[in-house]
N, C-alpha and C. Protein backbone atom coordinates (compact mmCIF):
# COMPACT_ATOMS: atom_id res chain seq x y z
N UNK A 1 -20.69 14.35 10.71
CA UNK A 1 -20.32 13.97 9.37
C UNK A 1 -19.60 12.61 9.41
N UNK A 2 -20.07 11.68 8.54
CA UNK A 2 -19.43 10.42 8.54
C UNK A 2 -18.39 10.32 7.38
N UNK A 3 -17.60 9.28 7.49
CA UNK A 3 -16.58 9.11 6.45
C UNK A 3 -17.23 8.92 5.08
N UNK A 4 -18.35 8.19 5.11
CA UNK A 4 -19.10 7.95 3.86
C UNK A 4 -19.55 9.27 3.21
N UNK A 5 -20.09 10.17 4.04
CA UNK A 5 -20.55 11.48 3.48
C UNK A 5 -19.37 12.28 2.96
N UNK A 6 -18.22 12.22 3.59
CA UNK A 6 -17.09 12.91 3.06
C UNK A 6 -16.69 12.38 1.73
N UNK A 7 -16.65 11.01 1.58
CA UNK A 7 -16.31 10.39 0.34
C UNK A 7 -17.31 10.77 -0.78
N UNK A 8 -18.60 10.66 -0.42
CA UNK A 8 -19.62 10.97 -1.43
C UNK A 8 -19.58 12.40 -1.89
N UNK A 9 -19.29 13.28 -0.94
CA UNK A 9 -19.19 14.72 -1.28
C UNK A 9 -17.93 15.09 -2.05
N UNK A 10 -17.03 14.13 -2.08
CA UNK A 10 -15.78 14.45 -2.78
C UNK A 10 -14.93 15.47 -2.11
N UNK A 11 -15.06 15.72 -0.80
CA UNK A 11 -14.43 16.71 -0.07
C UNK A 11 -12.91 16.40 0.11
N UNK A 12 -12.54 15.10 0.04
CA UNK A 12 -11.15 14.75 0.21
C UNK A 12 -10.65 14.25 -1.11
N UNK A 13 -9.58 14.85 -1.60
CA UNK A 13 -9.02 14.53 -2.89
C UNK A 13 -7.67 13.86 -2.64
N UNK A 14 -7.27 13.03 -3.50
CA UNK A 14 -5.98 12.39 -3.50
C UNK A 14 -5.70 11.50 -2.24
N UNK A 15 -6.72 10.74 -1.78
CA UNK A 15 -6.57 9.94 -0.60
C UNK A 15 -5.49 8.84 -0.82
N UNK A 16 -5.19 8.53 -2.06
CA UNK A 16 -4.25 7.51 -2.37
C UNK A 16 -2.82 8.03 -2.36
N UNK A 17 -2.64 9.34 -2.19
CA UNK A 17 -1.31 9.97 -2.13
C UNK A 17 -0.81 9.99 -0.64
N UNK A 18 -1.62 9.75 0.25
CA UNK A 18 -1.35 9.83 1.64
C UNK A 18 -0.23 8.69 1.91
N UNK A 19 0.80 8.99 2.65
CA UNK A 19 1.85 8.04 2.96
C UNK A 19 1.51 7.19 4.22
N UNK A 20 0.47 7.54 4.92
CA UNK A 20 0.04 6.95 6.14
C UNK A 20 1.16 6.86 7.14
N UNK A 21 1.91 8.02 7.25
CA UNK A 21 3.00 8.13 8.16
C UNK A 21 2.56 8.43 9.56
N UNK A 22 1.24 8.88 9.71
CA UNK A 22 0.63 9.19 10.99
C UNK A 22 1.11 10.49 11.59
N UNK A 23 1.86 11.27 10.84
CA UNK A 23 2.31 12.56 11.44
C UNK A 23 1.09 13.49 11.71
N UNK A 24 0.09 13.43 10.74
CA UNK A 24 -1.08 14.29 10.94
C UNK A 24 -1.86 13.88 12.18
N UNK A 25 -1.90 12.58 12.38
CA UNK A 25 -2.67 12.06 13.62
C UNK A 25 -1.88 12.52 14.90
N UNK A 26 -0.59 12.44 14.89
CA UNK A 26 0.12 12.80 16.02
C UNK A 26 0.13 14.32 16.32
N UNK A 27 -0.01 15.13 15.25
CA UNK A 27 -0.02 16.63 15.42
C UNK A 27 -1.45 17.11 15.65
N UNK A 28 -2.44 16.36 15.48
CA UNK A 28 -3.83 16.90 15.60
C UNK A 28 -4.10 17.31 17.04
N UNK A 29 -4.44 18.55 17.32
CA UNK A 29 -4.70 18.97 18.69
C UNK A 29 -6.05 18.34 19.28
N UNK A 30 -6.85 17.87 18.30
CA UNK A 30 -8.14 17.29 18.77
C UNK A 30 -7.95 15.74 18.88
N UNK A 31 -6.75 15.19 18.68
CA UNK A 31 -6.47 13.77 18.78
C UNK A 31 -7.30 12.95 17.83
N UNK A 32 -7.58 13.47 16.69
CA UNK A 32 -8.27 12.76 15.60
C UNK A 32 -7.23 11.88 14.86
N UNK A 33 -7.67 10.64 14.67
CA UNK A 33 -6.78 9.70 13.89
C UNK A 33 -7.02 9.94 12.39
N UNK A 34 -6.40 11.01 11.89
CA UNK A 34 -6.56 11.38 10.48
C UNK A 34 -6.02 10.24 9.60
N UNK A 35 -4.89 9.66 9.92
CA UNK A 35 -4.35 8.59 9.07
C UNK A 35 -5.34 7.41 9.09
N UNK A 36 -5.88 7.07 10.19
CA UNK A 36 -6.88 6.02 10.22
C UNK A 36 -8.09 6.32 9.41
N UNK A 37 -8.54 7.55 9.27
CA UNK A 37 -9.63 7.98 8.43
C UNK A 37 -9.19 7.89 7.01
N UNK A 38 -7.97 8.18 6.67
CA UNK A 38 -7.54 8.07 5.24
C UNK A 38 -7.58 6.60 4.86
N UNK A 39 -7.23 5.71 5.73
CA UNK A 39 -7.23 4.26 5.42
C UNK A 39 -8.66 3.83 5.23
N UNK A 40 -9.59 4.28 6.13
CA UNK A 40 -11.00 3.94 6.02
C UNK A 40 -11.57 4.42 4.64
N UNK A 41 -11.17 5.71 4.25
CA UNK A 41 -11.59 6.21 2.96
C UNK A 41 -11.06 5.39 1.81
N UNK A 42 -9.82 4.95 1.89
CA UNK A 42 -9.30 4.09 0.84
C UNK A 42 -10.01 2.75 0.78
N UNK A 43 -10.33 2.23 1.96
CA UNK A 43 -11.00 0.91 1.94
C UNK A 43 -12.35 1.09 1.24
N UNK A 44 -13.11 2.12 1.54
CA UNK A 44 -14.37 2.41 0.87
C UNK A 44 -14.16 2.53 -0.64
N UNK A 45 -13.19 3.37 -1.00
CA UNK A 45 -12.88 3.60 -2.37
C UNK A 45 -12.57 2.28 -3.13
N UNK A 46 -11.76 1.46 -2.46
CA UNK A 46 -11.33 0.17 -3.07
C UNK A 46 -12.56 -0.73 -3.23
N UNK A 47 -13.42 -0.82 -2.18
CA UNK A 47 -14.53 -1.68 -2.31
C UNK A 47 -15.52 -1.28 -3.45
N UNK A 48 -15.51 0.01 -3.71
CA UNK A 48 -16.33 0.54 -4.78
C UNK A 48 -15.60 0.64 -6.14
N UNK A 49 -14.40 -0.02 -6.22
CA UNK A 49 -13.74 -0.21 -7.51
C UNK A 49 -12.96 1.06 -7.96
N UNK A 50 -12.66 1.91 -7.11
CA UNK A 50 -11.91 3.12 -7.47
C UNK A 50 -10.46 3.11 -7.06
N UNK A 51 -9.88 1.95 -6.97
CA UNK A 51 -8.51 1.86 -6.62
C UNK A 51 -7.63 2.24 -7.87
N UNK A 52 -6.68 3.13 -7.70
CA UNK A 52 -5.80 3.53 -8.82
C UNK A 52 -5.03 2.36 -9.42
N UNK A 53 -4.87 2.40 -10.72
CA UNK A 53 -4.10 1.29 -11.41
C UNK A 53 -2.73 1.10 -10.79
N UNK A 54 -2.07 2.12 -10.44
CA UNK A 54 -0.74 1.93 -9.80
C UNK A 54 -0.79 1.17 -8.50
N UNK A 55 -1.83 1.36 -7.74
CA UNK A 55 -1.98 0.64 -6.54
C UNK A 55 -2.30 -0.85 -6.82
N UNK A 56 -3.15 -1.11 -7.78
CA UNK A 56 -3.45 -2.45 -8.22
C UNK A 56 -2.25 -3.18 -8.70
N UNK A 57 -1.44 -2.51 -9.49
CA UNK A 57 -0.16 -3.13 -10.01
C UNK A 57 0.76 -3.50 -8.86
N UNK A 58 0.92 -2.60 -7.87
CA UNK A 58 1.77 -2.75 -6.75
C UNK A 58 1.24 -3.99 -5.93
N UNK A 59 -0.02 -4.04 -5.70
CA UNK A 59 -0.62 -5.11 -4.96
C UNK A 59 -0.38 -6.46 -5.64
N UNK A 60 -0.59 -6.54 -6.98
CA UNK A 60 -0.39 -7.79 -7.70
C UNK A 60 1.06 -8.22 -7.60
N UNK A 61 2.04 -7.22 -7.68
CA UNK A 61 3.42 -7.58 -7.59
C UNK A 61 3.76 -8.13 -6.18
N UNK A 62 3.17 -7.56 -5.20
CA UNK A 62 3.37 -7.92 -3.86
C UNK A 62 2.88 -9.42 -3.64
N UNK A 63 1.68 -9.66 -4.12
CA UNK A 63 1.07 -11.02 -4.01
C UNK A 63 1.91 -12.07 -4.84
N UNK A 64 2.35 -11.68 -5.96
CA UNK A 64 3.01 -12.65 -6.78
C UNK A 64 4.46 -12.86 -6.39
N UNK A 65 5.20 -11.83 -5.92
CA UNK A 65 6.59 -11.91 -5.62
C UNK A 65 6.94 -11.67 -4.17
N UNK A 66 6.05 -11.09 -3.44
CA UNK A 66 6.41 -10.70 -2.09
C UNK A 66 7.20 -9.39 -2.04
N UNK A 67 7.26 -8.73 -3.21
CA UNK A 67 8.02 -7.44 -3.33
C UNK A 67 7.12 -6.48 -4.10
N UNK A 68 7.49 -5.23 -3.95
CA UNK A 68 6.72 -4.23 -4.74
C UNK A 68 7.64 -3.59 -5.84
N UNK A 69 8.81 -4.10 -5.93
CA UNK A 69 9.73 -3.57 -6.97
C UNK A 69 11.12 -4.20 -6.78
N UNK A 70 11.86 -4.12 -7.82
CA UNK A 70 13.22 -4.60 -7.80
C UNK A 70 14.16 -3.38 -7.99
N UNK A 71 15.42 -3.51 -7.48
CA UNK A 71 16.39 -2.43 -7.70
C UNK A 71 16.63 -2.23 -9.17
N UNK A 72 16.62 -0.88 -9.60
CA UNK A 72 16.81 -0.57 -10.96
C UNK A 72 17.75 0.64 -10.99
N UNK A 73 18.36 0.83 -12.14
CA UNK A 73 19.22 1.98 -12.34
C UNK A 73 20.36 2.12 -11.34
N UNK A 74 20.36 3.24 -10.67
CA UNK A 74 21.44 3.53 -9.71
C UNK A 74 21.52 2.48 -8.58
N UNK A 75 20.40 2.13 -8.06
CA UNK A 75 20.38 1.11 -6.98
C UNK A 75 20.98 -0.20 -7.41
N UNK A 76 20.60 -0.60 -8.61
CA UNK A 76 21.14 -1.88 -9.17
C UNK A 76 22.68 -1.75 -9.26
N UNK A 77 23.16 -0.58 -9.79
CA UNK A 77 24.60 -0.37 -9.98
C UNK A 77 25.28 -0.35 -8.63
N UNK A 78 24.68 0.25 -7.63
CA UNK A 78 25.27 0.28 -6.27
C UNK A 78 25.40 -1.16 -5.67
N UNK A 79 24.33 -1.93 -5.91
CA UNK A 79 24.36 -3.31 -5.40
C UNK A 79 25.54 -4.06 -6.00
N UNK A 80 25.74 -3.93 -7.32
CA UNK A 80 26.82 -4.59 -8.02
C UNK A 80 28.18 -4.06 -7.48
N UNK A 81 28.25 -2.79 -7.30
CA UNK A 81 29.54 -2.10 -6.80
C UNK A 81 29.92 -2.62 -5.45
N UNK A 82 28.86 -2.88 -4.60
CA UNK A 82 29.12 -3.32 -3.27
C UNK A 82 29.31 -4.86 -3.20
N UNK A 83 29.12 -5.55 -4.32
CA UNK A 83 29.32 -6.94 -4.32
C UNK A 83 28.12 -7.68 -3.83
N UNK A 84 26.97 -7.08 -3.82
CA UNK A 84 25.71 -7.75 -3.29
C UNK A 84 25.16 -8.58 -4.44
N UNK A 85 24.52 -9.68 -4.01
CA UNK A 85 23.95 -10.60 -5.01
C UNK A 85 22.68 -10.01 -5.65
N UNK A 86 22.32 -10.59 -6.78
CA UNK A 86 21.11 -10.19 -7.40
C UNK A 86 19.95 -10.50 -6.49
N UNK A 87 18.90 -9.68 -6.51
CA UNK A 87 17.72 -9.88 -5.75
C UNK A 87 16.94 -11.12 -6.40
N UNK A 88 16.71 -12.14 -5.62
CA UNK A 88 16.05 -13.34 -6.17
C UNK A 88 14.70 -13.54 -5.48
N UNK A 89 13.86 -14.19 -6.14
CA UNK A 89 12.51 -14.54 -5.58
C UNK A 89 12.63 -15.76 -4.72
N UNK A 90 12.18 -15.64 -3.47
CA UNK A 90 12.18 -16.70 -2.51
C UNK A 90 10.73 -17.20 -2.42
N UNK A 91 10.49 -18.33 -2.99
CA UNK A 91 9.08 -18.92 -3.07
C UNK A 91 8.51 -19.18 -1.79
N UNK A 92 9.33 -19.61 -0.79
CA UNK A 92 8.78 -19.89 0.53
C UNK A 92 8.24 -18.56 1.16
N UNK A 93 8.92 -17.49 1.01
CA UNK A 93 8.45 -16.20 1.54
C UNK A 93 7.14 -15.74 0.82
N UNK A 94 7.17 -15.96 -0.53
CA UNK A 94 5.95 -15.60 -1.32
C UNK A 94 4.76 -16.42 -0.85
N UNK A 95 4.98 -17.74 -0.65
CA UNK A 95 3.86 -18.58 -0.18
C UNK A 95 3.38 -18.23 1.18
N UNK A 96 4.28 -17.82 2.11
CA UNK A 96 3.91 -17.43 3.42
C UNK A 96 3.07 -16.06 3.34
N UNK A 97 3.59 -15.14 2.59
CA UNK A 97 2.85 -13.89 2.41
C UNK A 97 1.43 -14.06 1.83
N UNK A 98 1.36 -14.98 0.83
CA UNK A 98 0.04 -15.27 0.23
C UNK A 98 -0.92 -15.88 1.28
N UNK A 99 -0.37 -16.73 2.12
CA UNK A 99 -1.26 -17.37 3.13
C UNK A 99 -1.67 -16.31 4.16
N UNK A 100 -0.79 -15.40 4.54
CA UNK A 100 -1.16 -14.27 5.44
C UNK A 100 -2.17 -13.36 4.83
N UNK A 101 -2.03 -13.08 3.55
CA UNK A 101 -2.99 -12.25 2.82
C UNK A 101 -4.39 -12.91 2.77
N UNK A 102 -4.38 -14.20 2.51
CA UNK A 102 -5.64 -14.95 2.42
C UNK A 102 -6.32 -14.97 3.78
N UNK A 103 -5.54 -15.20 4.87
CA UNK A 103 -6.10 -15.20 6.19
C UNK A 103 -6.75 -13.83 6.58
N UNK A 104 -6.07 -12.79 6.05
CA UNK A 104 -6.44 -11.45 6.33
C UNK A 104 -7.69 -10.95 5.47
N UNK A 105 -8.07 -11.79 4.55
CA UNK A 105 -9.25 -11.55 3.76
C UNK A 105 -8.93 -10.71 2.43
N UNK A 106 -7.64 -10.68 2.08
CA UNK A 106 -7.23 -9.90 0.91
C UNK A 106 -7.87 -10.49 -0.34
N UNK A 107 -8.17 -9.69 -1.36
CA UNK A 107 -8.78 -10.18 -2.65
C UNK A 107 -7.71 -10.97 -3.37
N UNK A 108 -8.20 -11.92 -4.20
CA UNK A 108 -7.29 -12.86 -4.94
C UNK A 108 -6.88 -12.20 -6.29
N UNK A 109 -6.19 -11.12 -6.28
CA UNK A 109 -5.77 -10.48 -7.56
C UNK A 109 -4.38 -10.93 -7.87
């Protein structure tokens, strides 16, 4: 059975919920790289335009700011309480990340 046939058959659900922590791969008695297969399934899904909106938003935020989110609520309050500065955008880091993404062949979203 190929990864393509698994995806076509819809036998794996919620591939985008996988944390890719590799615990399943480490625990597999057959030494199957399950996490690697999940990444391959995601890649196929993405190429076919089935990337969840939340993943697209996160990707766009990463490309534009080099971050996937800013501290909010309790975390923001804790930063202030500890006297930490506001999180600011560092354009040099963003430019470097964009260059790396371009070299890696990432889409221009």
